Amino acid sequence: MVKFTIEGTQYKITERFTVQQWKDIICWDFEETKHWPKIIATATGAPLEYLNNVAHESLELGIVFIVSIINARKETKIRDFNTITFGEWIDLDIYLNWGADKHIEGILEILSPKTTMADEALWVIEKYSEWRLWIYKQYTKLFGLDEPQGDGEGLQQDIAKSWYNVIISLANEDLLNIDAVTEQPLKKALNFMSWKKEKQLEEQQRILKERRKNDVLRNRK
C-alpha cells in the first residue's frame, strides 16, 4: 500500500481495487500524461487541484503502482462453464463484443455474482474468454471460422441482432418458444445448430449439383 500526505491529510493507493474503482480508473487514457492527476485522484481521493501541480516523476511513480494493481489477477470461485445456458452464452457473447469494461457487471452476474474485487473479476473474465475461444474452435464450421473473413466493420453493432435472429429461427418465429430456446444447455443448442447448418449445406450442394447436371444436358442439345 502506498501512502502520501497532503496538507495533513493522508491518502493511499490500496493494494486492490473494487470493480467500480477499476471502472472509474480505466476510463482515463494512461498514455496521456495530462490524465495522470485525474487517474491518481480517482484512485486515492486526493484533491485534483493539488495533483495538477505535482512533479512529473512523482505522478509517474503513482501511475506505476496503479498499473501494477490493475494488472494483478486473483483466483476466485467461478461457475462451471458447462452449466451455461444458450441464452447466457448469447448475453456473454454480446457483452464481450461490446466491451467487458462497459458490461463487467452483467458478465459477473452470470459467471460470478459475489465477486466485487477487480483482480478477481478480471481473472473470471479471462478464464471465461479462454473457454469461449475453445468453444468457438469446437464449432468452427457453425460459426464460419473456416470461411474468408471480412474487415469486421459493423460486427459490434450487429451481433445482438444476429443472435436474436438465431433465437427467433430456433423458436420457429413463435414468441412463446423463445424462453424454451434460451434455457437450453449451450452444447445441446450448438450441436443442434451444427446439425441444422450441415443439412442446409448438404441441400445447397444437392441443388448446385442438380443445376450443373441440367446445364450439361442443355449444352448437349
C-alpha atoms as a PDB file:
ATOM      1  CA  MET A   1       0.000   0.000   0.000  1.00  0.00           C
ATOM      2  CA  VAL A   2       1.357   3.434  -0.982  1.00  0.00           C
ATOM      3  CA  LYS A   3       0.574   6.363   1.321  1.00  0.00           C
ATOM      4  CA  PHE A   4       1.169  10.087   0.969  1.00  0.00           C
ATOM      5  CA  THR A   5       0.102  13.162   2.930  1.00  0.00           C
ATOM      6  CA  ILE A   6      -1.302  16.412   1.549  1.00  0.00           C
ATOM      7  CA  GLU A   7      -1.717  19.308   3.971  1.00  0.00           C
ATOM      8  CA  GLY A   8      -2.093  16.979   6.937  1.00  0.00           C
ATOM      9  CA  THR A   9      -4.496  14.564   5.217  1.00  0.00           C
ATOM     10  CA  GLN A  10      -3.256  11.070   4.402  1.00  0.00           C
ATOM     11  CA  TYR A  11      -4.186   9.395   1.119  1.00  0.00           C
ATOM     12  CA  LYS A  12      -3.357   5.912  -0.043  1.00  0.00           C
ATOM     13  CA  ILE A  13      -3.311   3.671  -3.095  1.00  0.00           C
ATOM     14  CA  THR A  14      -4.864   0.451  -1.872  1.00  0.00           C
ATOM     15  CA  GLU A  15      -3.484  -2.954  -2.800  1.00  0.00           C
ATOM     16  CA  ARG A  16      -6.735  -3.912  -4.572  1.00  0.00           C
ATOM     17  CA  PHE A  17      -9.458  -2.015  -6.371  1.00  0.00           C
ATOM     18  CA  THR A  18     -13.157  -2.786  -6.360  1.00  0.00           C
ATOM     19  CA  VAL A  19     -14.871  -3.324  -9.695  1.00  0.00           C
ATOM     20  CA  GLN A  20     -16.375   0.161  -9.503  1.00  0.00           C
ATOM     21  CA  GLN A  21     -12.991   1.756  -8.702  1.00  0.00           C
ATOM     22  CA  TRP A  22     -11.465  -0.144 -11.623  1.00  0.00           C
ATOM     23  CA  LYS A  23     -14.181   1.142 -13.973  1.00  0.00           C
ATOM     24  CA  ASP A  24     -13.675   4.718 -12.796  1.00  0.00           C
ATOM     25  CA  ILE A  25      -9.911   4.465 -13.293  1.00  0.00           C
ATOM     26  CA  ILE A  26      -9.634   2.742 -16.667  1.00  0.00           C
ATOM     27  CA  CYS A  27     -11.895   5.254 -18.392  1.00  0.00           C
ATOM     28  CA  TRP A  28      -8.823   7.521 -18.492  1.00  0.00           C
ATOM     29  CA  ASP A  29      -6.045   7.129 -21.064  1.00  0.00           C
ATOM     30  CA  PHE A  30      -2.873   6.135 -19.203  1.00  0.00           C
ATOM     31  CA  GLU A  31      -0.768   7.078 -22.231  1.00  0.00           C
ATOM     32  CA  GLU A  32      -1.763  10.714 -21.821  1.00  0.00           C
ATOM     33  CA  THR A  33       0.348  12.239 -19.048  1.00  0.00           C
ATOM     34  CA  LYS A  34      -2.203  15.036 -18.662  1.00  0.00           C
ATOM     35  CA  HIS A  35      -4.630  12.388 -17.359  1.00  0.00           C
ATOM     36  CA  TRP A  36      -2.297  11.152 -14.633  1.00  0.00           C
ATOM     37  CA  PRO A  37      -3.508  13.593 -11.948  1.00  0.00           C
ATOM     38  CA  LYS A  38      -7.129  12.571 -12.690  1.00  0.00           C
ATOM     39  CA  ILE A  39      -6.237   8.872 -12.508  1.00  0.00           C
ATOM     40  CA  ILE A  40      -4.452   9.261  -9.174  1.00  0.00           C
ATOM     41  CA  ALA A  41      -7.235  11.460  -7.818  1.00  0.00           C
ATOM     42  CA  THR A  42      -9.791   8.806  -8.790  1.00  0.00           C
ATOM     43  CA  ALA A  43      -7.721   6.030  -7.199  1.00  0.00           C
ATOM     44  CA  THR A  44      -6.948   7.850  -3.956  1.00  0.00           C
ATOM     45  CA  GLY A  45      -9.460  10.623  -3.437  1.00  0.00           C
ATOM     46  CA  ALA A  46      -6.639  13.155  -3.298  1.00  0.00           C
ATOM     47  CA  PRO A  47      -7.547  16.701  -4.441  1.00  0.00           C
ATOM     48  CA  LEU A  48      -7.074  17.139  -8.191  1.00  0.00           C
ATOM     49  CA  GLU A  49      -6.041  20.783  -7.850  1.00  0.00           C
ATOM     50  CA  TYR A  50      -3.039  19.687  -5.797  1.00  0.00           C
ATOM     51  CA  LEU A  51      -2.092  16.761  -8.052  1.00  0.00           C
ATOM     52  CA  ASN A  52      -2.096  19.067 -11.075  1.00  0.00           C
ATOM     53  CA  ASN A  53       0.955  20.762  -9.557  1.00  0.00           C
ATOM     54  CA  VAL A  54       2.861  17.631  -8.517  1.00  0.00           C
ATOM     55  CA  ALA A  55       6.167  16.853 -10.259  1.00  0.00           C
ATOM     56  CA  HIS A  56       6.041  14.524 -13.280  1.00  0.00           C
ATOM     57  CA  GLU A  57       8.306  11.968 -11.602  1.00  0.00           C
ATOM     58  CA  SER A  58       6.043  11.688  -8.566  1.00  0.00           C
ATOM     59  CA  LEU A  59       2.956  11.276 -10.715  1.00  0.00           C
ATOM     60  CA  GLU A  60       4.722   8.629 -12.774  1.00  0.00           C
ATOM     61  CA  LEU A  61       5.529   6.651  -9.637  1.00  0.00           C
ATOM     62  CA  GLY A  62       1.884   6.749  -8.604  1.00  0.00           C
ATOM     63  CA  ILE A  63       0.789   5.586 -12.064  1.00  0.00           C
ATOM     64  CA  VAL A  64       3.253   2.679 -11.941  1.00  0.00           C
ATOM     65  CA  PHE A  65       1.668   1.453  -8.693  1.00  0.00           C
ATOM     66  CA  ILE A  66      -1.843   1.840 -10.079  1.00  0.00           C
ATOM     67  CA  VAL A  67      -0.977  -0.052 -13.277  1.00  0.00           C
ATOM     68  CA  SER A  68       0.548  -2.889 -11.256  1.00  0.00           C
ATOM     69  CA  ILE A  69      -2.667  -3.187  -9.236  1.00  0.00           C
ATOM     70  CA  ILE A  70      -4.844  -3.132 -12.371  1.00  0.00           C
ATOM     71  CA  ASN A  71      -2.713  -5.861 -13.963  1.00  0.00           C
ATOM     72  CA  ALA A  72      -2.972  -8.132 -10.906  1.00  0.00           C
ATOM     73  CA  ARG A  73      -5.196 -11.197 -11.056  1.00  0.00           C
ATOM     74  CA  LYS A  74      -6.566 -13.239  -8.165  1.00  0.00           C
ATOM     75  CA  GLU A  75      -8.184 -16.640  -8.475  1.00  0.00           C
ATOM     76  CA  THR A  76     -11.684 -16.907  -7.065  1.00  0.00           C
ATOM     77  CA  LYS A  77     -14.700 -19.186  -7.042  1.00  0.00           C
ATOM     78  CA  ILE A  78     -16.102 -19.479 -10.514  1.00  0.00           C
ATOM     79  CA  ARG A  79     -19.109 -21.047 -12.155  1.00  0.00           C
ATOM     80  CA  ASP A  80     -18.793 -24.312 -14.050  1.00  0.00           C
ATOM     81  CA  PHE A  81     -18.934 -23.024 -17.609  1.00  0.00           C
ATOM     82  CA  ASN A  82     -20.542 -26.270 -18.770  1.00  0.00           C
ATOM     83  CA  THR A  83     -23.731 -25.238 -16.931  1.00  0.00           C
ATOM     84  CA  ILE A  84     -24.145 -22.092 -19.024  1.00  0.00           C
ATOM     85  CA  THR A  85     -27.388 -21.931 -20.975  1.00  0.00           C
ATOM     86  CA  PHE A  86     -27.690 -20.909 -24.602  1.00  0.00           C
ATOM     87  CA  GLY A  87     -29.255 -17.602 -23.564  1.00  0.00           C
ATOM     88  CA  GLU A  88     -26.467 -16.850 -21.105  1.00  0.00           C
ATOM     89  CA  TRP A  89     -23.872 -17.667 -23.779  1.00  0.00           C
ATOM     90  CA  ILE A  90     -25.521 -15.144 -26.087  1.00  0.00           C
ATOM     91  CA  ASP A  91     -25.632 -12.476 -23.372  1.00  0.00           C
ATOM     92  CA  LEU A  92     -21.957 -13.028 -22.583  1.00  0.00           C
ATOM     93  CA  ASP A  93     -21.006 -13.006 -26.253  1.00  0.00           C
ATOM     94  CA  ILE A  94     -22.734  -9.661 -26.716  1.00  0.00           C
ATOM     95  CA  TYR A  95     -21.189  -8.191 -23.548  1.00  0.00           C
ATOM     96  CA  LEU A  96     -17.683  -9.204 -24.607  1.00  0.00           C
ATOM     97  CA  ASN A  97     -18.149  -7.836 -28.108  1.00  0.00           C
ATOM     98  CA  TRP A  98     -19.487  -4.562 -26.775  1.00  0.00           C
ATOM     99  CA  GLY A  99     -16.623  -4.312 -24.268  1.00  0.00           C
ATOM    100  CA  ALA A 100     -16.048  -6.072 -20.958  1.00  0.00           C
ATOM    101  CA  ASP A 101     -15.111  -2.755 -19.367  1.00  0.00           C
ATOM    102  CA  LYS A 102     -18.579  -1.371 -20.134  1.00  0.00           C
ATOM    103  CA  HIS A 103     -20.527  -4.510 -19.214  1.00  0.00           C
ATOM    104  CA  ILE A 104     -18.455  -6.099 -16.460  1.00  0.00           C
ATOM    105  CA  GLU A 105     -21.395  -6.164 -14.016  1.00  0.00           C
ATOM    106  CA  GLY A 106     -23.548  -8.085 -16.491  1.00  0.00           C
ATOM    107  CA  ILE A 107     -20.750 -10.582 -17.094  1.00  0.00           C
ATOM    108  CA  LEU A 108     -20.183 -11.115 -13.387  1.00  0.00           C
ATOM    109  CA  GLU A 109     -23.897 -11.518 -12.735  1.00  0.00           C
ATOM    110  CA  ILE A 110     -23.779 -14.640 -14.914  1.00  0.00           C
ATOM    111  CA  LEU A 111     -20.350 -16.026 -14.054  1.00  0.00           C
ATOM    112  CA  SER A 112     -19.566 -14.960 -10.500  1.00  0.00           C
ATOM    113  CA  PRO A 113     -22.279 -12.832  -8.829  1.00  0.00           C
ATOM    114  CA  LYS A 114     -20.489 -12.461  -5.489  1.00  0.00           C
ATOM    115  CA  THR A 115     -17.266 -11.093  -6.986  1.00  0.00           C
ATOM    116  CA  THR A 116     -16.704  -7.427  -6.142  1.00  0.00           C
ATOM    117  CA  MET A 117     -12.922  -7.019  -6.422  1.00  0.00           C
ATOM    118  CA  ALA A 118     -11.418  -6.111  -9.783  1.00  0.00           C
ATOM    119  CA  ASP A 119      -8.498  -8.555  -9.702  1.00  0.00           C
ATOM    120  CA  GLU A 120     -10.915 -11.461  -9.166  1.00  0.00           C
ATOM    121  CA  ALA A 121     -13.404 -10.146 -11.731  1.00  0.00           C
ATOM    122  CA  LEU A 122     -10.727  -9.857 -14.411  1.00  0.00           C
ATOM    123  CA  TRP A 123      -9.469 -13.362 -13.620  1.00  0.00           C
ATOM    124  CA  VAL A 124     -13.028 -14.668 -14.091  1.00  0.00           C
ATOM    125  CA  ILE A 125     -13.376 -12.888 -17.438  1.00  0.00           C
ATOM    126  CA  GLU A 126     -10.013 -14.113 -18.695  1.00  0.00           C
ATOM    127  CA  LYS A 127     -10.844 -17.722 -17.771  1.00  0.00           C
ATOM    128  CA  TYR A 128     -14.215 -17.484 -19.460  1.00  0.00           C
ATOM    129  CA  SER A 129     -12.664 -15.880 -22.552  1.00  0.00           C
ATOM    130  CA  GLU A 130     -10.270 -18.814 -22.853  1.00  0.00           C
ATOM    131  CA  TRP A 131     -13.158 -21.287 -22.575  1.00  0.00           C
ATOM    132  CA  ARG A 132     -15.248 -19.262 -25.036  1.00  0.00           C
ATOM    133  CA  LEU A 133     -12.437 -19.386 -27.587  1.00  0.00           C
ATOM    134  CA  TRP A 134     -12.213 -23.157 -27.081  1.00  0.00           C
ATOM    135  CA  ILE A 135     -15.961 -23.478 -27.753  1.00  0.00           C
ATOM    136  CA  TYR A 136     -15.650 -21.437 -30.934  1.00  0.00           C
ATOM    137  CA  LYS A 137     -12.859 -23.722 -32.105  1.00  0.00           C
ATOM    138  CA  GLN A 138     -15.013 -26.788 -31.393  1.00  0.00           C
ATOM    139  CA  TYR A 139     -17.716 -25.384 -33.679  1.00  0.00           C
ATOM    140  CA  THR A 140     -15.558 -23.889 -36.403  1.00  0.00           C
ATOM    141  CA  LYS A 141     -17.960 -24.671 -39.254  1.00  0.00           C
ATOM    142  CA  LEU A 142     -21.020 -23.499 -37.346  1.00  0.00           C
ATOM    143  CA  PHE A 143     -19.518 -20.084 -36.667  1.00  0.00           C
ATOM    144  CA  GLY A 144     -17.965 -19.817 -40.123  1.00  0.00           C
ATOM    145  CA  LEU A 145     -14.409 -19.594 -38.807  1.00  0.00           C
ATOM    146  CA  ASP A 146     -13.204 -21.660 -41.761  1.00  0.00           C
ATOM    147  CA  GLU A 147     -14.634 -19.131 -44.217  1.00  0.00           C
ATOM    148  CA  PRO A 148     -12.954 -15.932 -45.522  1.00  0.00           C
ATOM    149  CA  GLN A 149     -13.468 -13.109 -43.049  1.00  0.00           C
ATOM    150  CA  GLY A 150     -14.328  -9.517 -43.888  1.00  0.00           C
ATOM    151  CA  ASP A 151     -12.924  -6.461 -42.163  1.00  0.00           C
ATOM    152  CA  GLY A 152     -15.389  -6.844 -39.266  1.00  0.00           C
ATOM    153  CA  GLU A 153     -16.949  -3.422 -39.818  1.00  0.00           C
ATOM    154  CA  GLY A 154     -20.354  -3.243 -38.173  1.00  0.00           C
ATOM    155  CA  LEU A 155     -19.897  -6.510 -36.263  1.00  0.00           C
ATOM    156  CA  GLN A 156     -20.157  -4.870 -32.853  1.00  0.00           C
ATOM    157  CA  GLN A 157     -23.413  -3.151 -33.783  1.00  0.00           C
ATOM    158  CA  ASP A 158     -24.961  -6.184 -35.461  1.00  0.00           C
ATOM    159  CA  ILE A 159     -24.058  -9.023 -33.083  1.00  0.00           C
ATOM    160  CA  ALA A 160     -27.102  -8.592 -30.839  1.00  0.00           C
ATOM    161  CA  LYS A 161     -29.390  -8.545 -33.873  1.00  0.00           C
ATOM    162  CA  SER A 162     -27.621 -11.586 -35.346  1.00  0.00           C
ATOM    163  CA  TRP A 163     -28.042 -13.626 -32.178  1.00  0.00           C
ATOM    164  CA  TYR A 164     -31.684 -12.557 -31.873  1.00  0.00           C
ATOM    165  CA  ASN A 165     -32.288 -13.767 -35.419  1.00  0.00           C
ATOM    166  CA  VAL A 166     -30.793 -17.133 -34.419  1.00  0.00           C
ATOM    167  CA  ILE A 167     -33.100 -17.370 -31.404  1.00  0.00           C
ATOM    168  CA  ILE A 168     -36.149 -16.460 -33.473  1.00  0.00           C
ATOM    169  CA  SER A 169     -35.224 -19.054 -36.085  1.00  0.00           C
ATOM    170  CA  LEU A 170     -34.810 -21.799 -33.484  1.00  0.00           C
ATOM    171  CA  ALA A 171     -38.103 -20.741 -31.894  1.00  0.00           C
ATOM    172  CA  ASN A 172     -39.846 -21.123 -35.276  1.00  0.00           C
ATOM    173  CA  GLU A 173     -40.782 -17.436 -35.096  1.00  0.00           C
ATOM    174  CA  ASP A 174     -43.038 -18.160 -32.136  1.00  0.00           C
ATOM    175  CA  LEU A 175     -42.765 -15.762 -29.186  1.00  0.00           C
ATOM    176  CA  LEU A 176     -43.894 -18.477 -26.782  1.00  0.00           C
ATOM    177  CA  ASN A 177     -40.929 -20.652 -27.756  1.00  0.00           C
ATOM    178  CA  ILE A 178     -38.192 -18.067 -27.108  1.00  0.00           C
ATOM    179  CA  ASP A 179     -37.654 -18.889 -23.416  1.00  0.00           C
ATOM    180  CA  ALA A 180     -37.574 -22.605 -24.218  1.00  0.00           C
ATOM    181  CA  VAL A 181     -34.762 -21.938 -26.704  1.00  0.00           C
ATOM    182  CA  THR A 182     -32.636 -19.667 -24.495  1.00  0.00           C
ATOM    183  CA  GLU A 183     -32.953 -22.001 -21.499  1.00  0.00           C
ATOM    184  CA  GLN A 184     -31.437 -24.933 -23.386  1.00  0.00           C
ATOM    185  CA  PRO A 185     -27.948 -26.165 -22.345  1.00  0.00           C
ATOM    186  CA  LEU A 186     -25.344 -24.452 -24.513  1.00  0.00           C
ATOM    187  CA  LYS A 187     -23.808 -27.512 -26.158  1.00  0.00           C
ATOM    188  CA  LYS A 188     -27.226 -29.035 -26.846  1.00  0.00           C
ATOM    189  CA  ALA A 189     -28.187 -25.877 -28.731  1.00  0.00           C
ATOM    190  CA  LEU A 190     -24.880 -25.642 -30.591  1.00  0.00           C
ATOM    191  CA  ASN A 191     -25.000 -29.307 -31.586  1.00  0.00           C
ATOM    192  CA  PHE A 192     -28.489 -28.832 -32.998  1.00  0.00           C
ATOM    193  CA  MET A 193     -27.422 -25.682 -34.846  1.00  0.00           C
ATOM    194  CA  SER A 194     -24.427 -27.555 -36.267  1.00  0.00           C
ATOM    195  CA  TRP A 195     -26.657 -30.395 -37.488  1.00  0.00           C
ATOM    196  CA  LYS A 196     -29.104 -27.908 -38.995  1.00  0.00           C
ATOM    197  CA  LYS A 197     -26.360 -25.998 -40.811  1.00  0.00           C
ATOM    198  CA  GLU A 198     -24.831 -29.228 -42.123  1.00  0.00           C
ATOM    199  CA  LYS A 199     -28.206 -30.262 -43.522  1.00  0.00           C
ATOM    200  CA  GLN A 200     -28.580 -26.876 -45.186  1.00  0.00           C
ATOM    201  CA  LEU A 201     -25.121 -27.152 -46.737  1.00  0.00           C
ATOM    202  CA  GLU A 202     -25.916 -30.633 -47.994  1.00  0.00           C
ATOM    203  CA  GLU A 203     -29.124 -29.341 -49.566  1.00  0.00           C
ATOM    204  CA  GLN A 204     -27.257 -26.466 -51.201  1.00  0.00           C
ATOM    205  CA  GLN A 205     -24.717 -28.899 -52.611  1.00  0.00           C
ATOM    206  CA  ARG A 206     -27.517 -31.125 -53.923  1.00  0.00           C
ATOM    207  CA  ILE A 207     -29.201 -28.178 -55.651  1.00  0.00           C
ATOM    208  CA  LEU A 208     -25.888 -26.987 -57.100  1.00  0.00           C
ATOM    209  CA  LYS A 209     -25.108 -30.466 -58.396  1.00  0.00           C
ATOM    210  CA  GLU A 210     -28.562 -30.723 -59.954  1.00  0.00           C
ATOM    211  CA  ARG A 211     -28.146 -27.359 -61.651  1.00  0.00           C
ATOM    212  CA  ARG A 212     -24.786 -28.343 -63.083  1.00  0.00           C
ATOM    213  CA  LYS A 213     -26.262 -31.590 -64.359  1.00  0.00           C
ATOM    214  CA  ASN A 214     -29.114 -29.695 -66.039  1.00  0.00           C
ATOM    215  CA  ASP A 215     -26.656 -27.201 -67.547  1.00  0.00           C
ATOM    216  CA  VAL A 216     -24.657 -30.055 -69.068  1.00  0.00           C
ATOM    217  CA  LEU A 217     -27.813 -31.604 -70.565  1.00  0.00           C
ATOM    218  CA  ARG A 218     -28.895 -28.262 -72.037  1.00  0.00           C
ATOM    219  CA  ASN A 219     -25.476 -27.677 -73.578  1.00  0.00           C
ATOM    220  CA  ARG A 220     -25.586 -31.074 -75.282  1.00  0.00           C
ATOM    221  CA  LYS A 221     -28.799 -30.209 -77.141  1.00  0.00           C
END
